[in-house]
Amino acid sequence: MEAKACLKYARISPRKVSIVLDLIRNKPVDEAMAILQHTPKAACEDLQKLLKSAMANAENNHDMKTDNLYISECYVSQGPILKRIRPRAQGRAFRIDKKTSHITLVLKEQEV
């Protein structure tokens, strides 16, 4: 049995998110939440909300106990890129790519 939560079109680069996901992969839920609260990275706020959502899904939809949950899978993939243009010298244009992410968390119950 597994519970899943997805965040689509998050306005943060997938590279920045994957750094934080590596910290919480295969950790118990309470330990992962503590790591997210005390890590000064931009992705932590979105991941904290996503983890709470996955925990609520596990509890309400799958009747799983939140004490035994751990993060079995977590991954990020690239979403669409918002392309913006910044004016530069001599009439040139400089393109700025604003990247988006699709983040997925999967929780499972530990075998006791």
PDB file of N, CA and C in Angstrom:
ATOM      1  N   MET A   1       0.845  -1.181   0.000  1.00  0.00           N
ATOM      2  CA  MET A   1       0.000   0.000   0.000  1.00  0.00           C
ATOM      3  C   MET A   1       0.886   1.237   0.000  1.00  0.00           C
ATOM      4  N   GLU A   2       0.538   2.185  -0.840  1.00  0.00           N
ATOM      5  CA  GLU A   2       1.329   3.413  -0.893  1.00  0.00           C
ATOM      6  C   GLU A   2       0.419   4.620  -1.078  1.00  0.00           C
ATOM      7  N   ALA A   3       0.887   5.748  -0.548  1.00  0.00           N
ATOM      8  CA  ALA A   3       0.172   7.017  -0.708  1.00  0.00           C
ATOM      9  C   ALA A   3       1.067   7.953  -1.504  1.00  0.00           C
ATOM     10  N   LYS A   4       0.441   8.755  -2.344  1.00  0.00           N
ATOM     11  CA  LYS A   4       1.202   9.565  -3.283  1.00  0.00           C
ATOM     12  C   LYS A   4       0.681  10.997  -3.266  1.00  0.00           C
ATOM     13  N   ALA A   5       1.591  11.956  -3.488  1.00  0.00           N
ATOM     14  CA  ALA A   5       1.197  13.353  -3.656  1.00  0.00           C
ATOM     15  C   ALA A   5       2.093  13.969  -4.727  1.00  0.00           C
ATOM     16  N   CYS A   6       1.496  14.767  -5.606  1.00  0.00           N
ATOM     17  CA  CYS A   6       2.232  15.394  -6.705  1.00  0.00           C
ATOM     18  C   CYS A   6       2.048  16.906  -6.668  1.00  0.00           C
ATOM     19  N   LEU A   7       3.089  17.602  -7.003  1.00  0.00           N
ATOM     20  CA  LEU A   7       3.020  19.056  -7.166  1.00  0.00           C
ATOM     21  C   LEU A   7       3.470  19.355  -8.585  1.00  0.00           C
ATOM     22  N   LYS A   8       2.563  19.890  -9.379  1.00  0.00           N
ATOM     23  CA  LYS A   8       2.864  20.172 -10.776  1.00  0.00           C
ATOM     24  C   LYS A   8       3.114  21.672 -10.960  1.00  0.00           C
ATOM     25  N   TYR A   9       3.959  22.002 -11.887  1.00  0.00           N
ATOM     26  CA  TYR A   9       4.241  23.372 -12.302  1.00  0.00           C
ATOM     27  C   TYR A   9       4.770  24.258 -11.163  1.00  0.00           C
ATOM     28  N   ALA A  10       5.586  23.697 -10.277  1.00  0.00           N
ATOM     29  CA  ALA A  10       6.197  24.498  -9.209  1.00  0.00           C
ATOM     30  C   ALA A  10       7.235  25.422  -9.846  1.00  0.00           C
ATOM     31  N   ARG A  11       7.207  26.696  -9.479  1.00  0.00           N
ATOM     32  CA  ARG A  11       8.105  27.667 -10.102  1.00  0.00           C
ATOM     33  C   ARG A  11       9.484  27.655  -9.431  1.00  0.00           C
ATOM     34  N   ILE A  12      10.161  26.531  -9.523  1.00  0.00           N
ATOM     35  CA  ILE A  12      11.516  26.391  -9.005  1.00  0.00           C
ATOM     36  C   ILE A  12      12.251  25.397  -9.897  1.00  0.00           C
ATOM     37  N   SER A  13      13.512  25.587 -10.062  1.00  0.00           N
ATOM     38  CA  SER A  13      14.315  24.735 -10.929  1.00  0.00           C
ATOM     39  C   SER A  13      14.401  23.310 -10.370  1.00  0.00           C
ATOM     40  N   PRO A  14      14.298  22.291 -11.223  1.00  0.00           N
ATOM     41  CA  PRO A  14      14.382  20.907 -10.753  1.00  0.00           C
ATOM     42  C   PRO A  14      15.720  20.597 -10.069  1.00  0.00           C
ATOM     43  N   ARG A  15      16.761  21.268 -10.484  1.00  0.00           N
ATOM     44  CA  ARG A  15      18.086  21.043  -9.895  1.00  0.00           C
ATOM     45  C   ARG A  15      18.108  21.439  -8.419  1.00  0.00           C
ATOM     46  N   LYS A  16      17.435  22.537  -8.100  1.00  0.00           N
ATOM     47  CA  LYS A  16      17.379  22.999  -6.711  1.00  0.00           C
ATOM     48  C   LYS A  16      16.537  22.057  -5.857  1.00  0.00           C
ATOM     49  N   VAL A  17      15.477  21.510  -6.438  1.00  0.00           N
ATOM     50  CA  VAL A  17      14.588  20.604  -5.697  1.00  0.00           C
ATOM     51  C   VAL A  17      15.287  19.272  -5.439  1.00  0.00           C
ATOM     52  N   SER A  18      16.040  18.763  -6.416  1.00  0.00           N
ATOM     53  CA  SER A  18      16.649  17.441  -6.269  1.00  0.00           C
ATOM     54  C   SER A  18      17.684  17.409  -5.149  1.00  0.00           C
ATOM     55  N   ILE A  19      18.325  18.545  -4.859  1.00  0.00           N
ATOM     56  CA  ILE A  19      19.287  18.622  -3.753  1.00  0.00           C
ATOM     57  C   ILE A  19      18.585  18.317  -2.434  1.00  0.00           C
ATOM     58  N   VAL A  20      17.402  18.896  -2.235  1.00  0.00           N
ATOM     59  CA  VAL A  20      16.659  18.692  -0.994  1.00  0.00           C
ATOM     60  C   VAL A  20      16.037  17.294  -0.957  1.00  0.00           C
ATOM     61  N   LEU A  21      15.579  16.790  -2.102  1.00  0.00           N
ATOM     62  CA  LEU A  21      14.990  15.452  -2.142  1.00  0.00           C
ATOM     63  C   LEU A  21      16.013  14.384  -1.746  1.00  0.00           C
ATOM     64  N   ASP A  22      17.271  14.593  -2.097  1.00  0.00           N
ATOM     65  CA  ASP A  22      18.311  13.641  -1.715  1.00  0.00           C
ATOM     66  C   ASP A  22      18.480  13.574  -0.198  1.00  0.00           C
ATOM     67  N   LEU A  23      18.171  14.669   0.499  1.00  0.00           N
ATOM     68  CA  LEU A  23      18.297  14.695   1.958  1.00  0.00           C
ATOM     69  C   LEU A  23      17.218  13.852   2.647  1.00  0.00           C
ATOM     70  N   ILE A  24      16.021  13.807   2.052  1.00  0.00           N
ATOM     71  CA  ILE A  24      14.887  13.164   2.749  1.00  0.00           C
ATOM     72  C   ILE A  24      14.511  11.790   2.198  1.00  0.00           C
ATOM     73  N   ARG A  25      15.176  11.336   1.149  1.00  0.00           N
ATOM     74  CA  ARG A  25      14.830  10.046   0.539  1.00  0.00           C
ATOM     75  C   ARG A  25      15.060   8.899   1.523  1.00  0.00           C
ATOM     76  N   ASN A  26      14.096   7.971   1.621  1.00  0.00           N
ATOM     77  CA  ASN A  26      14.132   6.779   2.496  1.00  0.00           C
ATOM     78  C   ASN A  26      14.174   7.103   3.989  1.00  0.00           C
ATOM     79  N   LYS A  27      13.714   8.284   4.368  1.00  0.00           N
ATOM     80  CA  LYS A  27      13.683   8.662   5.778  1.00  0.00           C
ATOM     81  C   LYS A  27      12.250   8.513   6.310  1.00  0.00           C
ATOM     82  N   PRO A  28      12.098   8.274   7.616  1.00  0.00           N
ATOM     83  CA  PRO A  28      10.760   8.310   8.211  1.00  0.00           C
ATOM     84  C   PRO A  28      10.149   9.703   8.071  1.00  0.00           C
ATOM     85  N   VAL A  29       8.837   9.772   8.085  1.00  0.00           N
ATOM     86  CA  VAL A  29       8.134  11.026   7.809  1.00  0.00           C
ATOM     87  C   VAL A  29       8.464  12.120   8.825  1.00  0.00           C
ATOM     88  N   ASP A  30       8.513  11.768  10.115  1.00  0.00           N
ATOM     89  CA  ASP A  30       8.786  12.792  11.126  1.00  0.00           C
ATOM     90  C   ASP A  30      10.210  13.327  11.013  1.00  0.00           C
ATOM     91  N   GLU A  31      11.144  12.460  10.678  1.00  0.00           N
ATOM     92  CA  GLU A  31      12.541  12.904  10.493  1.00  0.00           C
ATOM     93  C   GLU A  31      12.666  13.781   9.242  1.00  0.00           C
ATOM     94  N   ALA A  32      11.972  13.410   8.176  1.00  0.00           N
ATOM     95  CA  ALA A  32      11.993  14.199   6.939  1.00  0.00           C
ATOM     96  C   ALA A  32      11.396  15.583   7.165  1.00  0.00           C
ATOM     97  N   MET A  33      10.324  15.651   7.955  1.00  0.00           N
ATOM     98  CA  MET A  33       9.701  16.947   8.253  1.00  0.00           C
ATOM     99  C   MET A  33      10.662  17.836   9.041  1.00  0.00           C
ATOM    100  N   ALA A  34      11.388  17.248   9.984  1.00  0.00           N
ATOM    101  CA  ALA A  34      12.368  18.010  10.764  1.00  0.00           C
ATOM    102  C   ALA A  34      13.502  18.517   9.877  1.00  0.00           C
ATOM    103  N   ILE A  35      13.947  17.685   8.941  1.00  0.00           N
ATOM    104  CA  ILE A  35      15.002  18.102   8.014  1.00  0.00           C
ATOM    105  C   ILE A  35      14.528  19.275   7.165  1.00  0.00           C
ATOM    106  N   LEU A  36      13.289  19.187   6.672  1.00  0.00           N
ATOM    107  CA  LEU A  36      12.751  20.258   5.827  1.00  0.00           C
ATOM    108  C   LEU A  36      12.581  21.569   6.600  1.00  0.00           C
ATOM    109  N   GLN A  37      12.216  21.475   7.882  1.00  0.00           N
ATOM    110  CA  GLN A  37      12.021  22.689   8.679  1.00  0.00           C
ATOM    111  C   GLN A  37      13.329  23.411   8.956  1.00  0.00           C
ATOM    112  N   HIS A  38      14.433  22.665   9.028  1.00  0.00           N
ATOM    113  CA  HIS A  38      15.707  23.268   9.431  1.00  0.00           C
ATOM    114  C   HIS A  38      16.719  23.396   8.301  1.00  0.00           C
ATOM    115  N   THR A  39      16.292  23.180   7.067  1.00  0.00           N
ATOM    116  CA  THR A  39      17.181  23.341   5.924  1.00  0.00           C
ATOM    117  C   THR A  39      16.868  24.662   5.223  1.00  0.00           C
ATOM    118  N   PRO A  40      17.848  25.548   5.084  1.00  0.00           N
ATOM    119  CA  PRO A  40      17.590  26.863   4.476  1.00  0.00           C
ATOM    120  C   PRO A  40      17.651  26.836   2.942  1.00  0.00           C
ATOM    121  N   LYS A  41      16.756  26.103   2.318  1.00  0.00           N
ATOM    122  CA  LYS A  41      16.690  26.035   0.862  1.00  0.00           C
ATOM    123  C   LYS A  41      15.307  26.480   0.403  1.00  0.00           C
ATOM    124  N   ALA A  42      15.237  27.019  -0.802  1.00  0.00           N
ATOM    125  CA  ALA A  42      13.977  27.546  -1.326  1.00  0.00           C
ATOM    126  C   ALA A  42      12.939  26.445  -1.532  1.00  0.00           C
ATOM    127  N   ALA A  43      13.381  25.246  -1.859  1.00  0.00           N
ATOM    128  CA  ALA A  43      12.451  24.156  -2.168  1.00  0.00           C
ATOM    129  C   ALA A  43      11.780  23.580  -0.924  1.00  0.00           C
ATOM    130  N   CYS A  44      12.314  23.850   0.257  1.00  0.00           N
ATOM    131  CA  CYS A  44      11.816  23.204   1.478  1.00  0.00           C
ATOM    132  C   CYS A  44      10.363  23.558   1.784  1.00  0.00           C
ATOM    133  N   GLU A  45       9.970  24.780   1.520  1.00  0.00           N
ATOM    134  CA  GLU A  45       8.602  25.202   1.825  1.00  0.00           C
ATOM    135  C   GLU A  45       7.588  24.400   0.999  1.00  0.00           C
ATOM    136  N   ASP A  46       7.845  24.274  -0.300  1.00  0.00           N
ATOM    137  CA  ASP A  46       6.949  23.505  -1.167  1.00  0.00           C
ATOM    138  C   ASP A  46       6.960  22.022  -0.801  1.00  0.00           C
ATOM    139  N   LEU A  47       8.130  21.495  -0.478  1.00  0.00           N
ATOM    140  CA  LEU A  47       8.230  20.074  -0.133  1.00  0.00           C
ATOM    141  C   LEU A  47       7.550  19.763   1.194  1.00  0.00           C
ATOM    142  N   GLN A  48       7.576  20.721   2.109  1.00  0.00           N
ATOM    143  CA  GLN A  48       6.896  20.530   3.393  1.00  0.00           C
ATOM    144  C   GLN A  48       5.383  20.395   3.178  1.00  0.00           C
ATOM    145  N   LYS A  49       4.823  21.285   2.361  1.00  0.00           N
ATOM    146  CA  LYS A  49       3.400  21.211   2.045  1.00  0.00           C
ATOM    147  C   LYS A  49       3.056  19.897   1.339  1.00  0.00           C
ATOM    148  N   LEU A  50       3.928  19.484   0.431  1.00  0.00           N
ATOM    149  CA  LEU A  50       3.695  18.258  -0.322  1.00  0.00           C
ATOM    150  C   LEU A  50       3.751  17.036   0.592  1.00  0.00           C
ATOM    151  N   LEU A  51       4.676  17.034   1.544  1.00  0.00           N
ATOM    152  CA  LEU A  51       4.786  15.928   2.494  1.00  0.00           C
ATOM    153  C   LEU A  51       3.554  15.850   3.391  1.00  0.00           C
ATOM    154  N   LYS A  52       3.063  17.012   3.845  1.00  0.00           N
ATOM    155  CA  LYS A  52       1.833  17.031   4.653  1.00  0.00           C
ATOM    156  C   LYS A  52       0.652  16.503   3.850  1.00  0.00           C
ATOM    157  N   SER A  53       0.596  16.851   2.576  1.00  0.00           N
ATOM    158  CA  SER A  53      -0.477  16.374   1.703  1.00  0.00           C
ATOM    159  C   SER A  53      -0.404  14.860   1.524  1.00  0.00           C
ATOM    160  N   ALA A  54       0.808  14.339   1.321  1.00  0.00           N
ATOM    161  CA  ALA A  54       0.978  12.893   1.157  1.00  0.00           C
ATOM    162  C   ALA A  54       0.598  12.152   2.440  1.00  0.00           C
ATOM    163  N   MET A  55       0.929  12.735   3.594  1.00  0.00           N
ATOM    164  CA  MET A  55       0.564  12.127   4.871  1.00  0.00           C
ATOM    165  C   MET A  55      -0.951  12.103   5.043  1.00  0.00           C
ATOM    166  N   ALA A  56      -1.613  13.192   4.663  1.00  0.00           N
ATOM    167  CA  ALA A  56      -3.074  13.256   4.753  1.00  0.00           C
ATOM    168  C   ALA A  56      -3.715  12.249   3.803  1.00  0.00           C
ATOM    169  N   ASN A  57      -3.149  12.099   2.609  1.00  0.00           N
ATOM    170  CA  ASN A  57      -3.654  11.105   1.661  1.00  0.00           C
ATOM    171  C   ASN A  57      -3.530   9.694   2.234  1.00  0.00           C
ATOM    172  N   ALA A  58      -2.396   9.416   2.871  1.00  0.00           N
ATOM    173  CA  ALA A  58      -2.169   8.088   3.453  1.00  0.00           C
ATOM    174  C   ALA A  58      -3.170   7.799   4.562  1.00  0.00           C
ATOM    175  N   GLU A  59      -3.407   8.809   5.403  1.00  0.00           N
ATOM    176  CA  GLU A  59      -4.287   8.624   6.555  1.00  0.00           C
ATOM    177  C   GLU A  59      -5.756   8.526   6.138  1.00  0.00           C
ATOM    178  N   ASN A  60      -6.190   9.425   5.271  1.00  0.00           N
ATOM    179  CA  ASN A  60      -7.610   9.517   4.941  1.00  0.00           C
ATOM    180  C   ASN A  60      -8.046   8.574   3.813  1.00  0.00           C
ATOM    181  N   ASN A  61      -7.211   8.387   2.814  1.00  0.00           N
ATOM    182  CA  ASN A  61      -7.616   7.589   1.655  1.00  0.00           C
ATOM    183  C   ASN A  61      -7.232   6.116   1.757  1.00  0.00           C
ATOM    184  N   HIS A  62      -6.130   5.824   2.475  1.00  0.00           N
ATOM    185  CA  HIS A  62      -5.616   4.456   2.507  1.00  0.00           C
ATOM    186  C   HIS A  62      -5.599   3.850   3.910  1.00  0.00           C
ATOM    187  N   ASP A  63      -6.104   4.574   4.909  1.00  0.00           N
ATOM    188  CA  ASP A  63      -6.157   4.103   6.301  1.00  0.00           C
ATOM    189  C   ASP A  63      -4.804   3.605   6.812  1.00  0.00           C
ATOM    190  N   MET A  64      -3.762   4.360   6.531  1.00  0.00           N
ATOM    191  CA  MET A  64      -2.426   4.005   7.002  1.00  0.00           C
ATOM    192  C   MET A  64      -2.111   4.821   8.258  1.00  0.00           C
ATOM    193  N   LYS A  65      -1.301   4.258   9.140  1.00  0.00           N
ATOM    194  CA  LYS A  65      -0.890   4.975  10.350  1.00  0.00           C
ATOM    195  C   LYS A  65       0.283   5.898  10.013  1.00  0.00           C
ATOM    196  N   THR A  66       0.191   7.163  10.441  1.00  0.00           N
ATOM    197  CA  THR A  66       1.248   8.118  10.096  1.00  0.00           C
ATOM    198  C   THR A  66       2.536   7.866  10.871  1.00  0.00           C
ATOM    199  N   ASP A  67       2.467   7.089  11.960  1.00  0.00           N
ATOM    200  CA  ASP A  67       3.673   6.805  12.750  1.00  0.00           C
ATOM    201  C   ASP A  67       4.649   5.908  11.995  1.00  0.00           C
ATOM    202  N   ASN A  68       4.119   5.029  11.147  1.00  0.00           N
ATOM    203  CA  ASN A  68       4.964   4.038  10.468  1.00  0.00           C
ATOM    204  C   ASN A  68       5.346   4.422   9.049  1.00  0.00           C
ATOM    205  N   LEU A  69       5.014   5.633   8.613  1.00  0.00           N
ATOM    206  CA  LEU A  69       5.266   6.012   7.223  1.00  0.00           C
ATOM    207  C   LEU A  69       6.719   6.424   6.995  1.00  0.00           C
ATOM    208  N   TYR A  70       7.201   6.118   5.783  1.00  0.00           N
ATOM    209  CA  TYR A  70       8.508   6.613   5.359  1.00  0.00           C
ATOM    210  C   TYR A  70       8.426   6.979   3.877  1.00  0.00           C
ATOM    211  N   ILE A  71       9.370   7.770   3.425  1.00  0.00           N
ATOM    212  CA  ILE A  71       9.382   8.227   2.036  1.00  0.00           C
ATOM    213  C   ILE A  71      10.071   7.158   1.194  1.00  0.00           C
ATOM    214  N   SER A  72       9.292   6.407   0.441  1.00  0.00           N
ATOM    215  CA  SER A  72       9.866   5.317  -0.350  1.00  0.00           C
ATOM    216  C   SER A  72      10.405   5.820  -1.685  1.00  0.00           C
ATOM    217  N   GLU A  73       9.702   6.763  -2.283  1.00  0.00           N
ATOM    218  CA  GLU A  73      10.151   7.342  -3.554  1.00  0.00           C
ATOM    219  C   GLU A  73       9.947   8.843  -3.500  1.00  0.00           C
ATOM    220  N   CYS A  74      10.888   9.578  -4.068  1.00  0.00           N
ATOM    221  CA  CYS A  74      10.682  11.013  -4.274  1.00  0.00           C
ATOM    222  C   CYS A  74      11.532  11.403  -5.479  1.00  0.00           C
ATOM    223  N   TYR A  75      10.883  12.055  -6.411  1.00  0.00           N
ATOM    224  CA  TYR A  75      11.616  12.445  -7.616  1.00  0.00           C
ATOM    225  C   TYR A  75      11.044  13.734  -8.186  1.00  0.00           C
ATOM    226  N   VAL A  76      11.842  14.365  -9.026  1.00  0.00           N
ATOM    227  CA  VAL A  76      11.428  15.615  -9.659  1.00  0.00           C
ATOM    228  C   VAL A  76      11.722  15.496 -11.150  1.00  0.00           C
ATOM    229  N   SER A  77      10.821  16.029 -11.961  1.00  0.00           N
ATOM    230  CA  SER A  77      11.060  16.092 -13.395  1.00  0.00           C
ATOM    231  C   SER A  77      10.789  17.514 -13.860  1.00  0.00           C
ATOM    232  N   GLN A  78      11.339  17.838 -14.991  1.00  0.00           N
ATOM    233  CA  GLN A  78      11.228  19.203 -15.484  1.00  0.00           C
ATOM    234  C   GLN A  78       9.869  19.458 -16.103  1.00  0.00           C
ATOM    235  N   GLY A  79       9.293  20.609 -15.765  1.00  0.00           N
ATOM    236  CA  GLY A  79       8.039  21.046 -16.368  1.00  0.00           C
ATOM    237  C   GLY A  79       8.345  21.972 -17.536  1.00  0.00           C
ATOM    238  N   PRO A  80       7.339  22.653 -18.038  1.00  0.00           N
ATOM    239  CA  PRO A  80       7.567  23.585 -19.139  1.00  0.00           C
ATOM    240  C   PRO A  80       8.415  24.778 -18.701  1.00  0.00           C
ATOM    241  N   ILE A  81       9.162  25.319 -19.638  1.00  0.00           N
ATOM    242  CA  ILE A  81      10.031  26.467 -19.352  1.00  0.00           C
ATOM    243  C   ILE A  81       9.320  27.740 -19.805  1.00  0.00           C
ATOM    244  N   LEU A  82       9.247  28.718 -18.904  1.00  0.00           N
ATOM    245  CA  LEU A  82       8.697  30.020 -19.265  1.00  0.00           C
ATOM    246  C   LEU A  82       9.833  30.849 -19.843  1.00  0.00           C
ATOM    247  N   LYS A  83       9.699  31.264 -21.090  1.00  0.00           N
ATOM    248  CA  LYS A  83      10.778  31.994 -21.749  1.00  0.00           C
ATOM    249  C   LYS A  83      10.488  33.489 -21.687  1.00  0.00           C
ATOM    250  N   ARG A  84      11.422  34.225 -21.123  1.00  0.00           N
ATOM    251  CA  ARG A  84      11.286  35.674 -20.987  1.00  0.00           C
ATOM    252  C   ARG A  84      12.463  36.351 -21.677  1.00  0.00           C
ATOM    253  N   ILE A  85      12.292  37.608 -22.054  1.00  0.00           N
ATOM    254  CA  ILE A  85      13.352  38.331 -22.757  1.00  0.00           C
ATOM    255  C   ILE A  85      13.758  39.563 -21.967  1.00  0.00           C
ATOM    256  N   ARG A  86      15.069  39.744 -21.825  1.00  0.00           N
ATOM    257  CA  ARG A  86      15.626  40.912 -21.150  1.00  0.00           C
ATOM    258  C   ARG A  86      16.390  41.733 -22.185  1.00  0.00           C
ATOM    259  N   PRO A  87      16.098  43.027 -22.267  1.00  0.00           N
ATOM    260  CA  PRO A  87      16.826  43.869 -23.222  1.00  0.00           C
ATOM    261  C   PRO A  87      18.308  43.994 -22.851  1.00  0.00           C
ATOM    262  N   ARG A  88      19.155  43.991 -23.868  1.00  0.00           N
ATOM    263  CA  ARG A  88      20.601  44.130 -23.653  1.00  0.00           C
ATOM    264  C   ARG A  88      21.130  45.275 -24.516  1.00  0.00           C
ATOM    265  N   ALA A  89      22.409  45.462 -24.455  1.00  0.00           N
ATOM    266  CA  ALA A  89      23.028  46.592 -25.164  1.00  0.00           C
ATOM    267  C   ALA A  89      22.897  46.444 -26.684  1.00  0.00           C
ATOM    268  N   GLN A  90      22.850  47.563 -27.366  1.00  0.00           N
ATOM    269  CA  GLN A  90      22.823  47.666 -28.834  1.00  0.00           C
ATOM    270  C   GLN A  90      21.613  46.952 -29.447  1.00  0.00           C
ATOM    271  N   GLY A  91      20.475  46.997 -28.734  1.00  0.00           N
ATOM    272  CA  GLY A  91      19.236  46.468 -29.286  1.00  0.00           C
ATOM    273  C   GLY A  91      19.111  44.959 -29.261  1.00  0.00           C
ATOM    274  N   ARG A  92      20.034  44.304 -28.615  1.00  0.00           N
ATOM    275  CA  ARG A  92      19.966  42.844 -28.555  1.00  0.00           C
ATOM    276  C   ARG A  92      18.995  42.398 -27.468  1.00  0.00           C
ATOM    277  N   ALA A  93      18.594  41.148 -27.542  1.00  0.00           N
ATOM    278  CA  ALA A  93      17.707  40.578 -26.528  1.00  0.00           C
ATOM    279  C   ALA A  93      18.406  39.370 -25.902  1.00  0.00           C
ATOM    280  N   PHE A  94      18.265  39.255 -24.609  1.00  0.00           N
ATOM    281  CA  PHE A  94      18.871  38.164 -23.848  1.00  0.00           C
ATOM    282  C   PHE A  94      17.737  37.336 -23.272  1.00  0.00           C
ATOM    283  N   ARG A  95      17.742  36.024 -23.541  1.00  0.00           N
ATOM    284  CA  ARG A  95      16.641  35.176 -23.094  1.00  0.00           C
ATOM    285  C   ARG A  95      16.878  34.659 -21.683  1.00  0.00           C
ATOM    286  N   ILE A  96      15.831  34.743 -20.863  1.00  0.00           N
ATOM    287  CA  ILE A  96      15.865  34.194 -19.518  1.00  0.00           C
ATOM    288  C   ILE A  96      14.882  33.039 -19.471  1.00  0.00           C
ATOM    289  N   ASP A  97      15.375  31.866 -19.057  1.00  0.00           N
ATOM    290  CA  ASP A  97      14.519  30.686 -18.932  1.00  0.00           C
ATOM    291  C   ASP A  97      14.093  30.536 -17.487  1.00  0.00           C
ATOM    292  N   LYS A  98      12.793  30.590 -17.238  1.00  0.00           N
ATOM    293  CA  LYS A  98      12.263  30.382 -15.896  1.00  0.00           C
ATOM    294  C   LYS A  98      11.733  28.954 -15.850  1.00  0.00           C
ATOM    295  N   LYS A  99      12.449  28.092 -15.143  1.00  0.00           N
ATOM    296  CA  LYS A  99      12.149  26.670 -15.164  1.00  0.00           C
ATOM    297  C   LYS A  99      11.072  26.305 -14.150  1.00  0.00           C
ATOM    298  N   THR A 100      10.310  25.264 -14.477  1.00  0.00           N
ATOM    299  CA  THR A 100       9.288  24.750 -13.565  1.00  0.00           C
ATOM    300  C   THR A 100       9.562  23.271 -13.301  1.00  0.00           C
ATOM    301  N   SER A 101       8.951  22.755 -12.235  1.00  0.00           N
ATOM    302  CA  SER A 101       9.190  21.381 -11.809  1.00  0.00           C
ATOM    303  C   SER A 101       7.891  20.649 -11.546  1.00  0.00           C
ATOM    304  N   HIS A 102       7.932  19.339 -11.750  1.00  0.00           N
ATOM    305  CA  HIS A 102       6.872  18.440 -11.314  1.00  0.00           C
ATOM    306  C   HIS A 102       7.489  17.542 -10.238  1.00  0.00           C
ATOM    307  N   ILE A 103       6.990  17.638  -9.001  1.00  0.00           N
ATOM    308  CA  ILE A 103       7.573  16.917  -7.875  1.00  0.00           C
ATOM    309  C   ILE A 103       6.589  15.833  -7.417  1.00  0.00           C
ATOM    310  N   THR A 104       7.104  14.640  -7.129  1.00  0.00           N
ATOM    311  CA  THR A 104       6.271  13.524  -6.675  1.00  0.00           C
ATOM    312  C   THR A 104       6.872  12.895  -5.422  1.00  0.00           C
ATOM    313  N   LEU A 105       6.025  12.676  -4.416  1.00  0.00           N
ATOM    314  CA  LEU A 105       6.413  11.985  -3.184  1.00  0.00           C
ATOM    315  C   LEU A 105       5.539  10.742  -3.028  1.00  0.00           C
ATOM    316  N   VAL A 106       6.156   9.605  -2.705  1.00  0.00           N
ATOM    317  CA  VAL A 106       5.419   8.365  -2.461  1.00  0.00           C
ATOM    318  C   VAL A 106       5.771   7.875  -1.061  1.00  0.00           C
ATOM    319  N   LEU A 107       4.743   7.634  -0.237  1.00  0.00           N
ATOM    320  CA  LEU A 107       4.946   7.151   1.125  1.00  0.00           C
ATOM    321  C   LEU A 107       4.482   5.705   1.237  1.00  0.00           C
ATOM    322  N   LYS A 108       5.209   4.923   2.029  1.00  0.00           N
ATOM    323  CA  LYS A 108       4.820   3.540   2.315  1.00  0.00           C
ATOM    324  C   LYS A 108       4.917   3.313   3.811  1.00  0.00           C
ATOM    325  N   GLU A 109       4.208   2.264   4.263  1.00  0.00           N
ATOM    326  CA  GLU A 109       4.281   1.889   5.669  1.00  0.00           C
ATOM    327  C   GLU A 109       5.430   0.921   5.888  1.00  0.00           C
ATOM    328  N   GLN A 110       6.175   1.124   6.979  1.00  0.00           N
ATOM    329  CA  GLN A 110       7.270   0.214   7.294  1.00  0.00           C
ATOM    330  C   GLN A 110       6.719  -1.101   7.810  1.00  0.00           C
ATOM    331  N   GLU A 111       7.386  -2.171   7.438  1.00  0.00           N
ATOM    332  CA  GLU A 111       7.017  -3.489   7.951  1.00  0.00           C
ATOM    333  C   GLU A 111       7.578  -3.608   9.372  1.00  0.00           C
ATOM    334  N   VAL A 112       6.711  -3.829  10.344  1.00  0.00           N
ATOM    335  CA  VAL A 112       7.173  -3.883  11.746  1.00  0.00           C
ATOM    336  C   VAL A 112       7.233  -5.306  12.226  1.00  0.00           C
TER     337      VAL A 112
END
